[in-house]
């Protein structure tokens, strides 16, 4: 007959070894949550602008409507201001500029070995 090791009584969670469990559990960062809601509001606004282009009866339009119905529950009306939109556009523009600089540097690095091999 196989031996079984004793475990915690039924209904009680098994405790972690002493010193290996955190004192408190992770807590959500309310600042990140607020920023996420702002960005979600921008996404909702963009989806609302996209819907007439796709047409509500098309397959794409139906999926956009599903997404809107899910996201609108979390974003209060009027939560996105013109200043929020401007800040998001500036953030995306800066990220695009940085990405372009990195891509140019990578292209230069890739061209240098090719030039050495041709010589």
PDB file of N, CA and C in Angstrom:
ATOM      1  N   UNK A   1       0.846  -1.166   0.000  1.00  0.00           N
ATOM      2  CA  UNK A   1       0.000   0.000   0.000  1.00  0.00           C
ATOM      3  C   UNK A   1       0.895   1.233   0.000  1.00  0.00           C
ATOM      4  N   UNK A   2       0.648   2.231  -0.898  1.00  0.00           N
ATOM      5  CA  UNK A   2       1.510   3.403  -0.970  1.00  0.00           C
ATOM      6  C   UNK A   2       1.338   4.293   0.254  1.00  0.00           C
ATOM      7  N   UNK A   3       2.449   4.874   0.650  1.00  0.00           N
ATOM      8  CA  UNK A   3       2.417   5.778   1.794  1.00  0.00           C
ATOM      9  C   UNK A   3       1.986   7.157   1.342  1.00  0.00           C
ATOM     10  N   UNK A   4       1.223   7.839   2.153  1.00  0.00           N
ATOM     11  CA  UNK A   4       0.818   9.214   1.847  1.00  0.00           C
ATOM     12  C   UNK A   4       1.414  10.129   2.895  1.00  0.00           C
ATOM     13  N   UNK A   5       1.731  11.314   2.457  1.00  0.00           N
ATOM     14  CA  UNK A   5       2.277  12.289   3.389  1.00  0.00           C
ATOM     15  C   UNK A   5       1.132  13.054   4.015  1.00  0.00           C
ATOM     16  N   UNK A   6       1.267  13.422   5.272  1.00  0.00           N
ATOM     17  CA  UNK A   6       0.185  14.168   5.924  1.00  0.00           C
ATOM     18  C   UNK A   6       0.059  15.547   5.276  1.00  0.00           C
ATOM     19  N   UNK A   7      -1.164  15.989   5.116  1.00  0.00           N
ATOM     20  CA  UNK A   7      -1.405  17.307   4.526  1.00  0.00           C
ATOM     21  C   UNK A   7      -2.319  18.100   5.441  1.00  0.00           C
ATOM     22  N   UNK A   8      -2.632  19.318   5.010  1.00  0.00           N
ATOM     23  CA  UNK A   8      -3.508  20.176   5.808  1.00  0.00           C
ATOM     24  C   UNK A   8      -4.896  19.556   5.855  1.00  0.00           C
ATOM     25  N   UNK A   9      -5.597  19.750   6.948  1.00  0.00           N
ATOM     26  CA  UNK A   9      -6.953  19.220   7.052  1.00  0.00           C
ATOM     27  C   UNK A   9      -7.826  19.779   5.929  1.00  0.00           C
ATOM     28  N   UNK A  10      -8.825  19.012   5.547  1.00  0.00           N
ATOM     29  CA  UNK A  10      -9.715  19.432   4.465  1.00  0.00           C
ATOM     30  C   UNK A  10     -10.342  20.782   4.783  1.00  0.00           C
ATOM     31  N   UNK A  11     -10.396  21.643   3.770  1.00  0.00           N
ATOM     32  CA  UNK A  11     -11.010  22.954   3.963  1.00  0.00           C
ATOM     33  C   UNK A  11     -10.038  24.033   4.402  1.00  0.00           C
ATOM     34  N   UNK A  12      -8.827  23.664   4.811  1.00  0.00           N
ATOM     35  CA  UNK A  12      -7.852  24.656   5.228  1.00  0.00           C
ATOM     36  C   UNK A  12      -6.760  24.761   4.173  1.00  0.00           C
ATOM     37  N   UNK A  13      -6.393  25.995   3.791  1.00  0.00           N
ATOM     38  CA  UNK A  13      -5.333  26.129   2.795  1.00  0.00           C
ATOM     39  C   UNK A  13      -3.985  25.712   3.357  1.00  0.00           C
ATOM     40  N   UNK A  14      -3.143  25.181   2.503  1.00  0.00           N
ATOM     41  CA  UNK A  14      -1.808  24.766   2.911  1.00  0.00           C
ATOM     42  C   UNK A  14      -0.957  26.030   3.084  1.00  0.00           C
ATOM     43  N   UNK A  15      -0.331  26.179   4.208  1.00  0.00           N
ATOM     44  CA  UNK A  15       0.461  27.373   4.515  1.00  0.00           C
ATOM     45  C   UNK A  15       1.832  27.278   3.848  1.00  0.00           C
ATOM     46  N   UNK A  16       2.337  28.436   3.413  1.00  0.00           N
ATOM     47  CA  UNK A  16       3.677  28.489   2.837  1.00  0.00           C
ATOM     48  C   UNK A  16       4.703  28.349   3.957  1.00  0.00           C
ATOM     49  N   UNK A  17       5.878  27.822   3.657  1.00  0.00           N
ATOM     50  CA  UNK A  17       6.918  27.717   4.682  1.00  0.00           C
ATOM     51  C   UNK A  17       7.235  29.093   5.276  1.00  0.00           C
ATOM     52  N   UNK A  18       7.631  29.091   6.527  1.00  0.00           N
ATOM     53  CA  UNK A  18       7.909  30.335   7.229  1.00  0.00           C
ATOM     54  C   UNK A  18       8.970  31.140   6.486  1.00  0.00           C
ATOM     55  N   UNK A  19       8.688  32.431   6.294  1.00  0.00           N
ATOM     56  CA  UNK A  19       9.650  33.327   5.659  1.00  0.00           C
ATOM     57  C   UNK A  19       9.564  33.361   4.144  1.00  0.00           C
ATOM     58  N   UNK A  20       8.677  32.587   3.549  1.00  0.00           N
ATOM     59  CA  UNK A  20       8.593  32.553   2.094  1.00  0.00           C
ATOM     60  C   UNK A  20       7.303  33.152   1.553  1.00  0.00           C
ATOM     61  N   UNK A  21       6.487  33.715   2.403  1.00  0.00           N
ATOM     62  CA  UNK A  21       5.259  34.331   1.921  1.00  0.00           C
ATOM     63  C   UNK A  21       5.324  35.834   2.202  1.00  0.00           C
ATOM     64  N   UNK A  22       4.742  36.645   1.314  1.00  0.00           N
ATOM     65  CA  UNK A  22       4.774  38.085   1.534  1.00  0.00           C
ATOM     66  C   UNK A  22       3.891  38.471   2.713  1.00  0.00           C
ATOM     67  N   UNK A  23       4.232  39.576   3.328  1.00  0.00           N
ATOM     68  CA  UNK A  23       3.451  40.059   4.462  1.00  0.00           C
ATOM     69  C   UNK A  23       2.089  40.530   3.983  1.00  0.00           C
ATOM     70  N   UNK A  24       2.078  41.252   2.869  1.00  0.00           N
ATOM     71  CA  UNK A  24       0.823  41.708   2.288  1.00  0.00           C
ATOM     72  C   UNK A  24       0.768  41.268   0.842  1.00  0.00           C
ATOM     73  N   UNK A  25      -0.408  41.191   0.328  1.00  0.00           N
ATOM     74  CA  UNK A  25      -0.577  40.829  -1.073  1.00  0.00           C
ATOM     75  C   UNK A  25      -0.331  42.031  -1.964  1.00  0.00           C
ATOM     76  N   UNK A  26      -0.222  41.814  -3.260  1.00  0.00           N
ATOM     77  CA  UNK A  26      -0.018  42.929  -4.172  1.00  0.00           C
ATOM     78  C   UNK A  26      -1.242  43.840  -4.188  1.00  0.00           C
ATOM     79  N   UNK A  27      -1.002  45.130  -4.252  1.00  0.00           N
ATOM     80  CA  UNK A  27      -2.100  46.091  -4.304  1.00  0.00           C
ATOM     81  C   UNK A  27      -2.065  46.805  -5.645  1.00  0.00           C
ATOM     82  N   UNK A  28      -3.217  47.068  -6.227  1.00  0.00           N
ATOM     83  CA  UNK A  28      -3.240  47.740  -7.530  1.00  0.00           C
ATOM     84  C   UNK A  28      -2.778  49.189  -7.402  1.00  0.00           C
ATOM     85  N   UNK A  29      -2.126  49.669  -8.434  1.00  0.00           N
ATOM     86  CA  UNK A  29      -1.668  51.048  -8.472  1.00  0.00           C
ATOM     87  C   UNK A  29      -2.788  51.888  -9.060  1.00  0.00           C
ATOM     88  N   UNK A  30      -3.401  52.724  -8.253  1.00  0.00           N
ATOM     89  CA  UNK A  30      -4.554  53.519  -8.691  1.00  0.00           C
ATOM     90  C   UNK A  30      -4.171  54.523  -9.775  1.00  0.00           C
ATOM     91  N   UNK A  31      -2.941  55.011  -9.759  1.00  0.00           N
ATOM     92  CA  UNK A  31      -2.499  55.941 -10.795  1.00  0.00           C
ATOM     93  C   UNK A  31      -2.451  55.271 -12.156  1.00  0.00           C
ATOM     94  N   UNK A  32      -1.930  54.038 -12.194  1.00  0.00           N
ATOM     95  CA  UNK A  32      -1.891  53.290 -13.450  1.00  0.00           C
ATOM     96  C   UNK A  32      -3.307  52.968 -13.916  1.00  0.00           C
ATOM     97  N   UNK A  33      -4.162  52.663 -12.963  1.00  0.00           N
ATOM     98  CA  UNK A  33      -5.542  52.333 -13.311  1.00  0.00           C
ATOM     99  C   UNK A  33      -6.246  53.543 -13.929  1.00  0.00           C
ATOM    100  N   UNK A  34      -6.011  54.732 -13.366  1.00  0.00           N
ATOM    101  CA  UNK A  34      -6.609  55.949 -13.909  1.00  0.00           C
ATOM    102  C   UNK A  34      -6.076  56.238 -15.311  1.00  0.00           C
ATOM    103  N   UNK A  35      -4.776  56.047 -15.506  1.00  0.00           N
ATOM    104  CA  UNK A  35      -4.181  56.253 -16.829  1.00  0.00           C
ATOM    105  C   UNK A  35      -4.748  55.253 -17.834  1.00  0.00           C
ATOM    106  N   UNK A  36      -4.961  54.022 -17.396  1.00  0.00           N
ATOM    107  CA  UNK A  36      -5.529  53.009 -18.280  1.00  0.00           C
ATOM    108  C   UNK A  36      -6.954  53.383 -18.679  1.00  0.00           C
ATOM    109  N   UNK A  37      -7.722  53.925 -17.749  1.00  0.00           N
ATOM    110  CA  UNK A  37      -9.085  54.339 -18.071  1.00  0.00           C
ATOM    111  C   UNK A  37      -9.091  55.486 -19.077  1.00  0.00           C
ATOM    112  N   UNK A  38      -8.152  56.423 -18.944  1.00  0.00           N
ATOM    113  CA  UNK A  38      -8.044  57.524 -19.908  1.00  0.00           C
ATOM    114  C   UNK A  38      -7.747  56.980 -21.294  1.00  0.00           C
ATOM    115  N   UNK A  39      -6.776  56.067 -21.371  1.00  0.00           N
ATOM    116  CA  UNK A  39      -6.422  55.501 -22.673  1.00  0.00           C
ATOM    117  C   UNK A  39      -7.563  54.658 -23.232  1.00  0.00           C
ATOM    118  N   UNK A  40      -8.275  53.956 -22.369  1.00  0.00           N
ATOM    119  CA  UNK A  40      -9.407  53.166 -22.836  1.00  0.00           C
ATOM    120  C   UNK A  40     -10.485  54.092 -23.389  1.00  0.00           C
ATOM    121  N   UNK A  41     -10.663  55.247 -22.764  1.00  0.00           N
ATOM    122  CA  UNK A  41     -11.613  56.224 -23.276  1.00  0.00           C
ATOM    123  C   UNK A  41     -11.238  56.686 -24.669  1.00  0.00           C
ATOM    124  N   UNK A  42      -9.931  56.869 -24.904  1.00  0.00           N
ATOM    125  CA  UNK A  42      -9.468  57.242 -26.241  1.00  0.00           C
ATOM    126  C   UNK A  42      -9.725  56.131 -27.244  1.00  0.00           C
ATOM    127  N   UNK A  43      -9.536  54.895 -26.831  1.00  0.00           N
ATOM    128  CA  UNK A  43      -9.790  53.755 -27.709  1.00  0.00           C
ATOM    129  C   UNK A  43     -11.277  53.699 -28.054  1.00  0.00           C
ATOM    130  N   UNK A  44     -12.129  53.928 -27.070  1.00  0.00           N
ATOM    131  CA  UNK A  44     -13.575  53.919 -27.304  1.00  0.00           C
ATOM    132  C   UNK A  44     -13.937  54.995 -28.321  1.00  0.00           C
ATOM    133  N   UNK A  45     -13.361  56.171 -28.156  1.00  0.00           N
ATOM    134  CA  UNK A  45     -13.645  57.261 -29.092  1.00  0.00           C
ATOM    135  C   UNK A  45     -13.197  56.892 -30.505  1.00  0.00           C
ATOM    136  N   UNK A  46     -12.030  56.263 -30.627  1.00  0.00           N
ATOM    137  CA  UNK A  46     -11.544  55.864 -31.946  1.00  0.00           C
ATOM    138  C   UNK A  46     -12.428  54.777 -32.554  1.00  0.00           C
ATOM    139  N   UNK A  47     -12.893  53.846 -31.744  1.00  0.00           N
ATOM    140  CA  UNK A  47     -13.787  52.801 -32.246  1.00  0.00           C
ATOM    141  C   UNK A  47     -15.119  53.398 -32.707  1.00  0.00           C
ATOM    142  N   UNK A  48     -15.584  54.427 -31.978  1.00  0.00           N
ATOM    143  CA  UNK A  48     -16.816  55.101 -32.381  1.00  0.00           C
ATOM    144  C   UNK A  48     -16.642  55.796 -33.727  1.00  0.00           C
ATOM    145  N   UNK A  49     -15.457  56.338 -33.977  1.00  0.00           N
ATOM    146  CA  UNK A  49     -15.182  56.979 -35.262  1.00  0.00           C
ATOM    147  C   UNK A  49     -15.014  55.945 -36.370  1.00  0.00           C
ATOM    148  N   UNK A  50     -14.545  54.765 -36.014  1.00  0.00           N
ATOM    149  CA  UNK A  50     -14.313  53.705 -36.991  1.00  0.00           C
ATOM    150  C   UNK A  50     -15.614  53.043 -37.437  1.00  0.00           C
ATOM    151  N   UNK A  51     -16.590  52.977 -36.564  1.00  0.00           N
ATOM    152  CA  UNK A  51     -17.823  52.248 -36.841  1.00  0.00           C
ATOM    153  C   UNK A  51     -18.538  52.728 -38.106  1.00  0.00           C
ATOM    154  N   UNK A  52     -18.728  54.020 -38.327  1.00  0.00           N
ATOM    155  CA  UNK A  52     -19.394  54.436 -39.565  1.00  0.00           C
ATOM    156  C   UNK A  52     -18.591  54.071 -40.818  1.00  0.00           C
ATOM    157  N   UNK A  53     -17.282  54.013 -40.710  1.00  0.00           N
ATOM    158  CA  UNK A  53     -16.458  53.653 -41.858  1.00  0.00           C
ATOM    159  C   UNK A  53     -16.648  52.190 -42.241  1.00  0.00           C
ATOM    160  N   UNK A  54     -16.739  51.320 -41.233  1.00  0.00           N
ATOM    161  CA  UNK A  54     -16.879  49.889 -41.482  1.00  0.00           C
ATOM    162  C   UNK A  54     -18.326  49.503 -41.760  1.00  0.00           C
ATOM    163  N   UNK A  55     -19.255  50.256 -41.210  1.00  0.00           N
ATOM    164  CA  UNK A  55     -20.662  49.912 -41.347  1.00  0.00           C
ATOM    165  C   UNK A  55     -21.068  48.937 -40.264  1.00  0.00           C
ATOM    166  N   UNK A  56     -22.132  49.256 -39.554  1.00  0.00           N
ATOM    167  CA  UNK A  56     -22.545  48.441 -38.411  1.00  0.00           C
ATOM    168  C   UNK A  56     -22.997  47.043 -38.827  1.00  0.00           C
ATOM    169  N   UNK A  57     -23.434  46.867 -40.085  1.00  0.00           N
ATOM    170  CA  UNK A  57     -23.918  45.571 -40.534  1.00  0.00           C
ATOM    171  C   UNK A  57     -22.831  44.640 -41.028  1.00  0.00           C
ATOM    172  N   UNK A  58     -21.617  45.172 -41.266  1.00  0.00           N
ATOM    173  CA  UNK A  58     -20.532  44.327 -41.770  1.00  0.00           C
ATOM    174  C   UNK A  58     -19.953  43.482 -40.641  1.00  0.00           C
ATOM    175  N   UNK A  59     -19.167  42.480 -41.025  1.00  0.00           N
ATOM    176  CA  UNK A  59     -18.525  41.636 -40.004  1.00  0.00           C
ATOM    177  C   UNK A  59     -17.609  42.466 -39.114  1.00  0.00           C
ATOM    178  N   UNK A  60     -16.848  43.367 -39.726  1.00  0.00           N
ATOM    179  CA  UNK A  60     -15.949  44.230 -38.939  1.00  0.00           C
ATOM    180  C   UNK A  60     -16.772  45.117 -38.014  1.00  0.00           C
ATOM    181  N   UNK A  61     -17.832  45.695 -38.544  1.00  0.00           N
ATOM    182  CA  UNK A  61     -18.683  46.570 -37.737  1.00  0.00           C
ATOM    183  C   UNK A  61     -19.306  45.852 -36.557  1.00  0.00           C
ATOM    184  N   UNK A  62     -19.732  44.611 -36.777  1.00  0.00           N
ATOM    185  CA  UNK A  62     -20.315  43.833 -35.682  1.00  0.00           C
ATOM    186  C   UNK A  62     -19.293  43.586 -34.582  1.00  0.00           C
ATOM    187  N   UNK A  63     -18.045  43.284 -34.970  1.00  0.00           N
ATOM    188  CA  UNK A  63     -16.989  43.069 -33.971  1.00  0.00           C
ATOM    189  C   UNK A  63     -16.651  44.353 -33.242  1.00  0.00           C
ATOM    190  N   UNK A  64     -16.652  45.476 -33.962  1.00  0.00           N
ATOM    191  CA  UNK A  64     -16.394  46.768 -33.323  1.00  0.00           C
ATOM    192  C   UNK A  64     -17.495  47.064 -32.312  1.00  0.00           C
ATOM    193  N   UNK A  65     -18.742  46.782 -32.675  1.00  0.00           N
ATOM    194  CA  UNK A  65     -19.850  46.989 -31.738  1.00  0.00           C
ATOM    195  C   UNK A  65     -19.703  46.128 -30.493  1.00  0.00           C
ATOM    196  N   UNK A  66     -19.277  44.881 -30.663  1.00  0.00           N
ATOM    197  CA  UNK A  66     -19.057  44.000 -29.503  1.00  0.00           C
ATOM    198  C   UNK A  66     -18.001  44.601 -28.582  1.00  0.00           C
ATOM    199  N   UNK A  67     -16.891  45.057 -29.180  1.00  0.00           N
ATOM    200  CA  UNK A  67     -15.809  45.643 -28.379  1.00  0.00           C
ATOM    201  C   UNK A  67     -16.288  46.896 -27.669  1.00  0.00           C
ATOM    202  N   UNK A  68     -17.043  47.731 -28.383  1.00  0.00           N
ATOM    203  CA  UNK A  68     -17.558  48.957 -27.761  1.00  0.00           C
ATOM    204  C   UNK A  68     -18.463  48.633 -26.580  1.00  0.00           C
ATOM    205  N   UNK A  69     -19.334  47.653 -26.756  1.00  0.00           N
ATOM    206  CA  UNK A  69     -20.241  47.294 -25.662  1.00  0.00           C
ATOM    207  C   UNK A  69     -19.481  46.814 -24.431  1.00  0.00           C
ATOM    208  N   UNK A  70     -18.363  46.129 -24.632  1.00  0.00           N
ATOM    209  CA  UNK A  70     -17.564  45.671 -23.491  1.00  0.00           C
ATOM    210  C   UNK A  70     -16.809  46.821 -22.824  1.00  0.00           C
ATOM    211  N   UNK A  71     -16.228  47.703 -23.625  1.00  0.00           N
ATOM    212  CA  UNK A  71     -15.370  48.754 -23.087  1.00  0.00           C
ATOM    213  C   UNK A  71     -16.142  49.917 -22.483  1.00  0.00           C
ATOM    214  N   UNK A  72     -17.301  50.244 -23.047  1.00  0.00           N
ATOM    215  CA  UNK A  72     -18.073  51.402 -22.590  1.00  0.00           C
ATOM    216  C   UNK A  72     -18.488  51.249 -21.127  1.00  0.00           C
ATOM    217  N   UNK A  73     -18.622  50.016 -20.661  1.00  0.00           N
ATOM    218  CA  UNK A  73     -19.016  49.792 -19.263  1.00  0.00           C
ATOM    219  C   UNK A  73     -17.989  50.354 -18.283  1.00  0.00           C
ATOM    220  N   UNK A  74     -16.736  50.420 -18.715  1.00  0.00           N
ATOM    221  CA  UNK A  74     -15.667  50.824 -17.805  1.00  0.00           C
ATOM    222  C   UNK A  74     -15.308  52.301 -17.911  1.00  0.00           C
ATOM    223  N   UNK A  75     -15.753  52.958 -18.980  1.00  0.00           N
ATOM    224  CA  UNK A  75     -15.357  54.348 -19.221  1.00  0.00           C
ATOM    225  C   UNK A  75     -16.562  55.252 -18.999  1.00  0.00           C
ATOM    226  N   UNK A  76     -16.498  56.116 -17.991  1.00  0.00           N
ATOM    227  CA  UNK A  76     -17.617  57.035 -17.771  1.00  0.00           C
ATOM    228  C   UNK A  76     -17.714  58.062 -18.903  1.00  0.00           C
ATOM    229  N   UNK A  77     -18.934  58.504 -19.186  1.00  0.00           N
ATOM    230  CA  UNK A  77     -19.136  59.503 -20.233  1.00  0.00           C
ATOM    231  C   UNK A  77     -18.396  60.796 -19.879  1.00  0.00           C
ATOM    232  N   UNK A  78     -17.759  61.396 -20.868  1.00  0.00           N
ATOM    233  CA  UNK A  78     -17.049  62.648 -20.661  1.00  0.00           C
ATOM    234  C   UNK A  78     -15.696  62.493 -19.994  1.00  0.00           C
ATOM    235  N   UNK A  79     -15.183  61.279 -19.915  1.00  0.00           N
ATOM    236  CA  UNK A  79     -13.904  61.076 -19.225  1.00  0.00           C
ATOM    237  C   UNK A  79     -12.711  61.450 -20.090  1.00  0.00           C
ATOM    238  N   UNK A  80     -12.928  61.622 -21.402  1.00  0.00           N
ATOM    239  CA  UNK A  80     -11.834  61.990 -22.295  1.00  0.00           C
ATOM    240  C   UNK A  80     -12.018  63.430 -22.719  1.00  0.00           C
ATOM    241  N   UNK A  81     -11.042  64.260 -22.394  1.00  0.00           N
ATOM    242  CA  UNK A  81     -11.093  65.673 -22.747  1.00  0.00           C
ATOM    243  C   UNK A  81     -10.214  65.924 -23.971  1.00  0.00           C
ATOM    244  N   UNK A  82     -10.384  67.068 -24.622  1.00  0.00           N
ATOM    245  CA  UNK A  82      -9.485  67.405 -25.731  1.00  0.00           C
ATOM    246  C   UNK A  82      -8.011  67.425 -25.298  1.00  0.00           C
ATOM    247  N   UNK A  83      -7.757  67.817 -24.069  1.00  0.00           N
ATOM    248  CA  UNK A  83      -6.376  67.815 -23.568  1.00  0.00           C
ATOM    249  C   UNK A  83      -5.829  66.389 -23.500  1.00  0.00           C
ATOM    250  N   UNK A  84      -6.679  65.436 -23.131  1.00  0.00           N
ATOM    251  CA  UNK A  84      -6.258  64.031 -23.107  1.00  0.00           C
ATOM    252  C   UNK A  84      -5.901  63.550 -24.508  1.00  0.00           C
ATOM    253  N   UNK A  85      -6.723  63.929 -25.477  1.00  0.00           N
ATOM    254  CA  UNK A  85      -6.451  63.538 -26.859  1.00  0.00           C
ATOM    255  C   UNK A  85      -5.133  64.137 -27.344  1.00  0.00           C
ATOM    256  N   UNK A  86      -4.914  65.405 -27.015  1.00  0.00           N
ATOM    257  CA  UNK A  86      -3.676  66.078 -27.433  1.00  0.00           C
ATOM    258  C   UNK A  86      -2.468  65.407 -26.783  1.00  0.00           C
ATOM    259  N   UNK A  87      -2.576  65.091 -25.498  1.00  0.00           N
ATOM    260  CA  UNK A  87      -1.466  64.438 -24.795  1.00  0.00           C
ATOM    261  C   UNK A  87      -1.165  63.080 -25.403  1.00  0.00           C
ATOM    262  N   UNK A  88      -2.199  62.325 -25.769  1.00  0.00           N
ATOM    263  CA  UNK A  88      -1.996  61.012 -26.376  1.00  0.00           C
ATOM    264  C   UNK A  88      -1.325  61.148 -27.733  1.00  0.00           C
ATOM    265  N   UNK A  89      -1.753  62.118 -28.540  1.00  0.00           N
ATOM    266  CA  UNK A  89      -1.131  62.334 -29.842  1.00  0.00           C
ATOM    267  C   UNK A  89       0.339  62.709 -29.690  1.00  0.00           C
ATOM    268  N   UNK A  90       0.644  63.557 -28.718  1.00  0.00           N
ATOM    269  CA  UNK A  90       2.043  63.939 -28.474  1.00  0.00           C
ATOM    270  C   UNK A  90       2.862  62.738 -28.015  1.00  0.00           C
ATOM    271  N   UNK A  91       2.288  61.898 -27.154  1.00  0.00           N
ATOM    272  CA  UNK A  91       2.986  60.702 -26.663  1.00  0.00           C
ATOM    273  C   UNK A  91       3.280  59.754 -27.828  1.00  0.00           C
ATOM    274  N   UNK A  92       2.293  59.567 -28.702  1.00  0.00           N
ATOM    275  CA  UNK A  92       2.493  58.679 -29.845  1.00  0.00           C
ATOM    276  C   UNK A  92       3.510  59.267 -30.825  1.00  0.00           C
ATOM    277  N   UNK A  93       3.497  60.583 -30.984  1.00  0.00           N
ATOM    278  CA  UNK A  93       4.448  61.235 -31.882  1.00  0.00           C
ATOM    279  C   UNK A  93       5.877  61.076 -31.363  1.00  0.00           C
ATOM    280  N   UNK A  94       6.063  61.256 -30.059  1.00  0.00           N
ATOM    281  CA  UNK A  94       7.400  61.073 -29.471  1.00  0.00           C
ATOM    282  C   UNK A  94       7.867  59.635 -29.624  1.00  0.00           C
ATOM    283  N   UNK A  95       6.980  58.692 -29.369  1.00  0.00           N
ATOM    284  CA  UNK A  95       7.351  57.281 -29.505  1.00  0.00           C
ATOM    285  C   UNK A  95       7.701  56.966 -30.956  1.00  0.00           C
ATOM    286  N   UNK A  96       6.976  57.541 -31.899  1.00  0.00           N
ATOM    287  CA  UNK A  96       7.251  57.318 -33.311  1.00  0.00           C
ATOM    288  C   UNK A  96       8.617  57.882 -33.691  1.00  0.00           C
ATOM    289  N   UNK A  97       8.940  59.064 -33.190  1.00  0.00           N
ATOM    290  CA  UNK A  97      10.240  59.675 -33.463  1.00  0.00           C
ATOM    291  C   UNK A  97      11.367  58.811 -32.904  1.00  0.00           C
ATOM    292  N   UNK A  98      11.209  58.327 -31.689  1.00  0.00           N
ATOM    293  CA  UNK A  98      12.230  57.474 -31.076  1.00  0.00           C
ATOM    294  C   UNK A  98      12.391  56.174 -31.849  1.00  0.00           C
ATOM    295  N   UNK A  99      11.270  55.589 -32.269  1.00  0.00           N
ATOM    296  CA  UNK A  99      11.342  54.342 -33.036  1.00  0.00           C
ATOM    297  C   UNK A  99      12.036  54.566 -34.372  1.00  0.00           C
ATOM    298  N   UNK A 100      11.752  55.700 -35.025  1.00  0.00           N
ATOM    299  CA  UNK A 100      12.405  55.995 -36.301  1.00  0.00           C
ATOM    300  C   UNK A 100      13.915  56.129 -36.127  1.00  0.00           C
ATOM    301  N   UNK A 101      14.344  56.786 -35.057  1.00  0.00           N
ATOM    302  CA  UNK A 101      15.776  56.941 -34.799  1.00  0.00           C
ATOM    303  C   UNK A 101      16.428  55.580 -34.582  1.00  0.00           C
ATOM    304  N   UNK A 102      15.772  54.716 -33.835  1.00  0.00           N
ATOM    305  CA  UNK A 102      16.318  53.379 -33.586  1.00  0.00           C
ATOM    306  C   UNK A 102      16.383  52.560 -34.871  1.00  0.00           C
ATOM    307  N   UNK A 103      15.362  52.681 -35.711  1.00  0.00           N
ATOM    308  CA  UNK A 103      15.362  51.951 -36.977  1.00  0.00           C
ATOM    309  C   UNK A 103      16.482  52.437 -37.893  1.00  0.00           C
ATOM    310  N   UNK A 104      16.725  53.745 -37.931  1.00  0.00           N
ATOM    311  CA  UNK A 104      17.816  54.282 -38.746  1.00  0.00           C
ATOM    312  C   UNK A 104      19.160  53.765 -38.253  1.00  0.00           C
ATOM    313  N   UNK A 105      19.353  53.720 -36.949  1.00  0.00           N
ATOM    314  CA  UNK A 105      20.601  53.210 -36.394  1.00  0.00           C
ATOM    315  C   UNK A 105      20.785  51.731 -36.747  1.00  0.00           C
ATOM    316  N   UNK A 106      19.724  50.947 -36.675  1.00  0.00           N
ATOM    317  CA  UNK A 106      19.809  49.529 -37.035  1.00  0.00           C
ATOM    318  C   UNK A 106      20.122  49.348 -38.515  1.00  0.00           C
ATOM    319  N   UNK A 107      19.506  50.168 -39.360  1.00  0.00           N
ATOM    320  CA  UNK A 107      19.796  50.069 -40.799  1.00  0.00           C
ATOM    321  C   UNK A 107      21.263  50.372 -41.079  1.00  0.00           C
ATOM    322  N   UNK A 108      21.798  51.386 -40.401  1.00  0.00           N
ATOM    323  CA  UNK A 108      23.204  51.738 -40.590  1.00  0.00           C
ATOM    324  C   UNK A 108      24.108  50.592 -40.150  1.00  0.00           C
ATOM    325  N   UNK A 109      23.780  49.962 -39.034  1.00  0.00           N
ATOM    326  CA  UNK A 109      24.577  48.837 -38.555  1.00  0.00           C
ATOM    327  C   UNK A 109      24.509  47.667 -39.525  1.00  0.00           C
ATOM    328  N   UNK A 110      23.365  47.451 -40.140  1.00  0.00           N
ATOM    329  CA  UNK A 110      23.217  46.341 -41.080  1.00  0.00           C
ATOM    330  C   UNK A 110      23.953  46.631 -42.386  1.00  0.00           C
ATOM    331  N   UNK A 111      24.040  47.890 -42.776  1.00  0.00           N
ATOM    332  CA  UNK A 111      24.707  48.251 -44.024  1.00  0.00           C
ATOM    333  C   UNK A 111      26.220  48.203 -43.885  1.00  0.00           C
ATOM    334  N   UNK A 112      26.748  48.466 -42.709  1.00  0.00           N
ATOM    335  CA  UNK A 112      28.203  48.483 -42.517  1.00  0.00           C
ATOM    336  C   UNK A 112      28.835  47.124 -42.808  1.00  0.00           C
ATOM    337  N   UNK A 113      28.317  45.996 -42.324  1.00  0.00           N
ATOM    338  CA  UNK A 113      28.929  44.704 -42.669  1.00  0.00           C
ATOM    339  C   UNK A 113      28.823  44.396 -44.168  1.00  0.00           C
ATOM    340  N   UNK A 114      27.758  44.809 -44.797  1.00  0.00           N
ATOM    341  CA  UNK A 114      27.596  44.570 -46.221  1.00  0.00           C
ATOM    342  C   UNK A 114      28.641  45.356 -47.021  1.00  0.00           C
ATOM    343  N   UNK A 115      28.930  46.569 -46.576  1.00  0.00           N
ATOM    344  CA  UNK A 115      29.931  47.384 -47.267  1.00  0.00           C
ATOM    345  C   UNK A 115      31.314  46.786 -47.073  1.00  0.00           C
ATOM    346  N   UNK A 116      31.589  46.225 -45.915  1.00  0.00           N
ATOM    347  CA  UNK A 116      32.900  45.601 -45.642  1.00  0.00           C
ATOM    348  C   UNK A 116      33.082  44.344 -46.494  1.00  0.00           C
ATOM    349  N   UNK A 117      32.017  43.566 -46.670  1.00  0.00           N
ATOM    350  CA  UNK A 117      32.094  42.343 -47.458  1.00  0.00           C
ATOM    351  C   UNK A 117      32.305  42.666 -48.940  1.00  0.00           C
ATOM    352  N   UNK A 118      31.746  43.764 -49.419  1.00  0.00           N
ATOM    353  CA  UNK A 118      31.883  44.142 -50.828  1.00  0.00           C
ATOM    354  C   UNK A 118      33.287  44.648 -51.123  1.00  0.00           C
ATOM    355  N   UNK A 119      33.965  45.162 -50.117  1.00  0.00           N
ATOM    356  CA  UNK A 119      35.303  45.738 -50.341  1.00  0.00           C
ATOM    357  C   UNK A 119      36.383  44.700 -50.441  1.00  0.00           C
TER     358      UNK A 119
END
